[in-house]
Amino acid sequence: MSRPSELIDRKYVQVVALVLEDSQGHVLLTRRQHGKHLAGFWEFPGGKVEAEESLTDALQRELKEELDYIPRKAIHLISVSHQYPEKHVEIHFFHCIDDQALTTPMEQQTMQWVHKSTLTNIKLPPANLAVIECL
């Protein structure tokens, strides 16, 4: 069992992510790059919330940086807290349906559109699994 001081020392990260969906039920996933935490896993695009930044501002900034895309009418879907061995993450998932979404992988990350019914067959980080139930 962890000592209380060990829990305090662990890194806490607040993250936003977007479930970008088209009207046919396909969602956009990006692949975590080599050298990053959980490299090779597929995930919903997003990133870390900066100090003094609102969740919606962080979402817009991250999606612009990663995909050159600004979500329209994104609504909060679910927040998930997950403890990894090296860090504690709190992910705030947003959802947006957009059939006109034009995305560009600004960080040379691999992207794919998949039908949400196939998400259970894709290697997603454990913290992302709760969002599948919401879809």
C-alpha atoms as a PDB file:
ATOM      1  CA  MET A   1       0.000   0.000   0.000  1.00  0.00           C
ATOM      2  CA  SER A   2       1.248   3.503  -0.781  1.00  0.00           C
ATOM      3  CA  ARG A   3       2.165   5.899   1.933  1.00  0.00           C
ATOM      4  CA  PRO A   4       0.273   9.215   1.915  1.00  0.00           C
ATOM      5  CA  SER A   5       3.474  11.100   0.978  1.00  0.00           C
ATOM      6  CA  GLU A   6       3.910   8.866  -2.093  1.00  0.00           C
ATOM      7  CA  LEU A   7       0.428   9.786  -3.314  1.00  0.00           C
ATOM      8  CA  ILE A   8       1.159  13.489  -2.921  1.00  0.00           C
ATOM      9  CA  ASP A   9       4.454  13.170  -4.803  1.00  0.00           C
ATOM     10  CA  ARG A  10       2.878  11.569  -7.853  1.00  0.00           C
ATOM     11  CA  LYS A  11       2.279  13.857 -10.792  1.00  0.00           C
ATOM     12  CA  TYR A  12      -1.288  15.124 -11.331  1.00  0.00           C
ATOM     13  CA  VAL A  13      -2.246  16.050 -14.884  1.00  0.00           C
ATOM     14  CA  GLN A  14      -5.513  17.587 -16.067  1.00  0.00           C
ATOM     15  CA  VAL A  15      -6.363  16.833 -19.693  1.00  0.00           C
ATOM     16  CA  VAL A  16      -9.086  17.654 -22.217  1.00  0.00           C
ATOM     17  CA  ALA A  17     -10.043  15.389 -25.115  1.00  0.00           C
ATOM     18  CA  LEU A  18     -12.551  15.603 -27.942  1.00  0.00           C
ATOM     19  CA  VAL A  19     -14.726  12.808 -29.244  1.00  0.00           C
ATOM     20  CA  LEU A  20     -15.153  14.176 -32.764  1.00  0.00           C
ATOM     21  CA  GLU A  21     -17.923  12.243 -34.467  1.00  0.00           C
ATOM     22  CA  ASP A  22     -19.583  12.383 -37.870  1.00  0.00           C
ATOM     23  CA  SER A  23     -23.281  11.703 -38.435  1.00  0.00           C
ATOM     24  CA  GLN A  24     -22.485   8.120 -39.481  1.00  0.00           C
ATOM     25  CA  GLY A  25     -21.036   7.256 -36.052  1.00  0.00           C
ATOM     26  CA  HIS A  26     -17.339   7.435 -36.958  1.00  0.00           C
ATOM     27  CA  VAL A  27     -14.983   9.023 -34.425  1.00  0.00           C
ATOM     28  CA  LEU A  28     -11.500  10.423 -34.937  1.00  0.00           C
ATOM     29  CA  LEU A  29      -8.587   8.775 -33.125  1.00  0.00           C
ATOM     30  CA  THR A  30      -4.935   9.767 -33.059  1.00  0.00           C
ATOM     31  CA  ARG A  31      -2.007   7.508 -32.210  1.00  0.00           C
ATOM     32  CA  ARG A  32       0.349   8.410 -29.364  1.00  0.00           C
ATOM     33  CA  GLN A  33       3.839   8.915 -30.707  1.00  0.00           C
ATOM     34  CA  HIS A  34       6.970   7.016 -29.715  1.00  0.00           C
ATOM     35  CA  GLY A  35       8.727   8.417 -26.670  1.00  0.00           C
ATOM     36  CA  LYS A  36       5.495   9.586 -25.026  1.00  0.00           C
ATOM     37  CA  HIS A  37       3.552   8.010 -22.168  1.00  0.00           C
ATOM     38  CA  LEU A  38       1.473   5.127 -23.608  1.00  0.00           C
ATOM     39  CA  ALA A  39       3.199   5.323 -26.998  1.00  0.00           C
ATOM     40  CA  GLY A  40       1.379   3.360 -29.694  1.00  0.00           C
ATOM     41  CA  PHE A  41      -2.040   3.567 -28.046  1.00  0.00           C
ATOM     42  CA  TRP A  42      -4.910   5.210 -29.937  1.00  0.00           C
ATOM     43  CA  GLU A  43      -6.726   8.051 -28.194  1.00  0.00           C
ATOM     44  CA  PHE A  44      -9.189  10.861 -28.633  1.00  0.00           C
ATOM     45  CA  PRO A  45      -7.290  14.038 -29.583  1.00  0.00           C
ATOM     46  CA  GLY A  46      -6.569  16.629 -26.921  1.00  0.00           C
ATOM     47  CA  GLY A  47      -3.938  17.502 -24.372  1.00  0.00           C
ATOM     48  CA  LYS A  48      -2.946  19.073 -21.084  1.00  0.00           C
ATOM     49  CA  VAL A  49      -4.760  21.997 -19.521  1.00  0.00           C
ATOM     50  CA  GLU A  50      -2.387  24.859 -18.768  1.00  0.00           C
ATOM     51  CA  ALA A  51      -2.436  26.824 -15.493  1.00  0.00           C
ATOM     52  CA  GLU A  52      -5.288  29.350 -15.305  1.00  0.00           C
ATOM     53  CA  GLU A  53      -6.830  27.980 -18.526  1.00  0.00           C
ATOM     54  CA  SER A  54     -10.503  27.006 -18.737  1.00  0.00           C
ATOM     55  CA  LEU A  55     -11.365  23.545 -20.031  1.00  0.00           C
ATOM     56  CA  THR A  56     -13.015  24.910 -23.171  1.00  0.00           C
ATOM     57  CA  ASP A  57     -10.077  27.226 -23.885  1.00  0.00           C
ATOM     58  CA  ALA A  58      -7.675  24.299 -23.430  1.00  0.00           C
ATOM     59  CA  LEU A  59      -9.777  22.142 -25.762  1.00  0.00           C
ATOM     60  CA  GLN A  60      -9.784  24.773 -28.493  1.00  0.00           C
ATOM     61  CA  ARG A  61      -6.047  25.453 -28.126  1.00  0.00           C
ATOM     62  CA  GLU A  62      -5.078  21.761 -28.132  1.00  0.00           C
ATOM     63  CA  LEU A  63      -7.225  20.880 -31.137  1.00  0.00           C
ATOM     64  CA  LYS A  64      -5.902  23.871 -33.076  1.00  0.00           C
ATOM     65  CA  GLU A  65      -2.304  22.860 -32.253  1.00  0.00           C
ATOM     66  CA  GLU A  66      -2.760  19.146 -32.988  1.00  0.00           C
ATOM     67  CA  LEU A  67      -5.277  19.089 -35.830  1.00  0.00           C
ATOM     68  CA  ASP A  68      -5.682  22.677 -37.067  1.00  0.00           C
ATOM     69  CA  TYR A  69      -9.335  22.251 -36.079  1.00  0.00           C
ATOM     70  CA  ILE A  70     -11.565  24.328 -33.828  1.00  0.00           C
ATOM     71  CA  PRO A  71     -14.511  22.355 -32.422  1.00  0.00           C
ATOM     72  CA  ARG A  72     -17.929  23.921 -32.799  1.00  0.00           C
ATOM     73  CA  LYS A  73     -20.617  23.238 -30.231  1.00  0.00           C
ATOM     74  CA  ALA A  74     -18.529  20.810 -28.197  1.00  0.00           C
ATOM     75  CA  ILE A  75     -20.382  19.689 -25.087  1.00  0.00           C
ATOM     76  CA  HIS A  76     -18.945  18.103 -21.950  1.00  0.00           C
ATOM     77  CA  LEU A  77     -19.504  14.348 -22.062  1.00  0.00           C
ATOM     78  CA  ILE A  78     -17.753  12.871 -19.022  1.00  0.00           C
ATOM     79  CA  SER A  79     -14.782  13.440 -16.714  1.00  0.00           C
ATOM     80  CA  VAL A  80     -12.616  10.472 -15.801  1.00  0.00           C
ATOM     81  CA  SER A  81     -10.012  10.192 -13.069  1.00  0.00           C
ATOM     82  CA  HIS A  82      -7.388   7.474 -13.543  1.00  0.00           C
ATOM     83  CA  GLN A  83      -4.273   6.494 -11.617  1.00  0.00           C
ATOM     84  CA  TYR A  84      -1.360   5.264 -13.722  1.00  0.00           C
ATOM     85  CA  PRO A  85       1.771   4.047 -11.900  1.00  0.00           C
ATOM     86  CA  GLU A  86       3.668   7.231 -12.761  1.00  0.00           C
ATOM     87  CA  LYS A  87       0.879   9.830 -12.755  1.00  0.00           C
ATOM     88  CA  HIS A  88      -2.720  10.627 -11.938  1.00  0.00           C
ATOM     89  CA  VAL A  89      -4.759  11.982 -14.841  1.00  0.00           C
ATOM     90  CA  GLU A  90      -8.142  13.638 -14.888  1.00  0.00           C
ATOM     91  CA  ILE A  91      -9.539  13.700 -18.418  1.00  0.00           C
ATOM     92  CA  HIS A  92     -12.455  15.911 -19.372  1.00  0.00           C
ATOM     93  CA  PHE A  93     -14.032  14.449 -22.498  1.00  0.00           C
ATOM     94  CA  PHE A  94     -16.056  16.656 -24.809  1.00  0.00           C
ATOM     95  CA  HIS A  95     -18.224  15.563 -27.731  1.00  0.00           C
ATOM     96  CA  CYS A  96     -18.899  17.232 -31.056  1.00  0.00           C
ATOM     97  CA  ILE A  97     -20.734  16.011 -34.154  1.00  0.00           C
ATOM     98  CA  ASP A  98     -19.316  17.608 -37.288  1.00  0.00           C
ATOM     99  CA  ASP A  99     -19.705  16.221 -40.800  1.00  0.00           C
ATOM    100  CA  GLN A 100     -17.608  19.047 -42.203  1.00  0.00           C
ATOM    101  CA  ALA A 101     -14.574  18.502 -39.944  1.00  0.00           C
ATOM    102  CA  LEU A 102     -11.325  19.124 -41.772  1.00  0.00           C
ATOM    103  CA  THR A 103      -8.373  17.934 -39.719  1.00  0.00           C
ATOM    104  CA  THR A 104      -4.649  18.023 -40.419  1.00  0.00           C
ATOM    105  CA  PRO A 105      -2.125  16.103 -38.286  1.00  0.00           C
ATOM    106  CA  MET A 106       0.003  19.108 -37.264  1.00  0.00           C
ATOM    107  CA  GLU A 107       2.349  16.943 -35.160  1.00  0.00           C
ATOM    108  CA  GLN A 108       2.729  14.232 -37.830  1.00  0.00           C
ATOM    109  CA  GLN A 109       0.643  11.861 -35.697  1.00  0.00           C
ATOM    110  CA  THR A 110      -1.246   8.999 -37.324  1.00  0.00           C
ATOM    111  CA  MET A 111      -5.017   9.529 -37.441  1.00  0.00           C
ATOM    112  CA  GLN A 112      -7.957   7.320 -38.318  1.00  0.00           C
ATOM    113  CA  TRP A 113     -11.729   7.519 -38.390  1.00  0.00           C
ATOM    114  CA  VAL A 114     -13.350   4.402 -36.927  1.00  0.00           C
ATOM    115  CA  HIS A 115     -16.940   3.483 -36.227  1.00  0.00           C
ATOM    116  CA  LYS A 116     -17.685   3.844 -32.532  1.00  0.00           C
ATOM    117  CA  SER A 117     -19.015   0.259 -32.441  1.00  0.00           C
ATOM    118  CA  THR A 118     -15.423  -0.958 -33.046  1.00  0.00           C
ATOM    119  CA  LEU A 119     -13.790   1.018 -30.219  1.00  0.00           C
ATOM    120  CA  THR A 120     -13.667  -2.024 -27.925  1.00  0.00           C
ATOM    121  CA  ASN A 121     -11.319  -3.695 -30.462  1.00  0.00           C
ATOM    122  CA  ILE A 122      -8.824  -0.800 -30.481  1.00  0.00           C
ATOM    123  CA  LYS A 123      -5.882  -0.349 -28.122  1.00  0.00           C
ATOM    124  CA  LEU A 124      -7.032   2.681 -26.097  1.00  0.00           C
ATOM    125  CA  PRO A 125      -5.477   3.897 -22.840  1.00  0.00           C
ATOM    126  CA  PRO A 126      -7.299   2.581 -19.762  1.00  0.00           C
ATOM    127  CA  ALA A 127      -8.413   6.115 -18.869  1.00  0.00           C
ATOM    128  CA  ASN A 128     -10.233   6.376 -22.219  1.00  0.00           C
ATOM    129  CA  LEU A 129     -12.332   3.240 -21.794  1.00  0.00           C
ATOM    130  CA  ALA A 130     -15.111   4.883 -19.750  1.00  0.00           C
ATOM    131  CA  VAL A 131     -16.019   7.153 -22.636  1.00  0.00           C
ATOM    132  CA  ILE A 132     -16.971   4.153 -24.806  1.00  0.00           C
ATOM    133  CA  GLU A 133     -19.917   3.449 -22.502  1.00  0.00           C
ATOM    134  CA  CYS A 134     -21.142   7.031 -22.983  1.00  0.00           C
ATOM    135  CA  LEU A 135     -21.181   6.666 -26.747  1.00  0.00           C
END
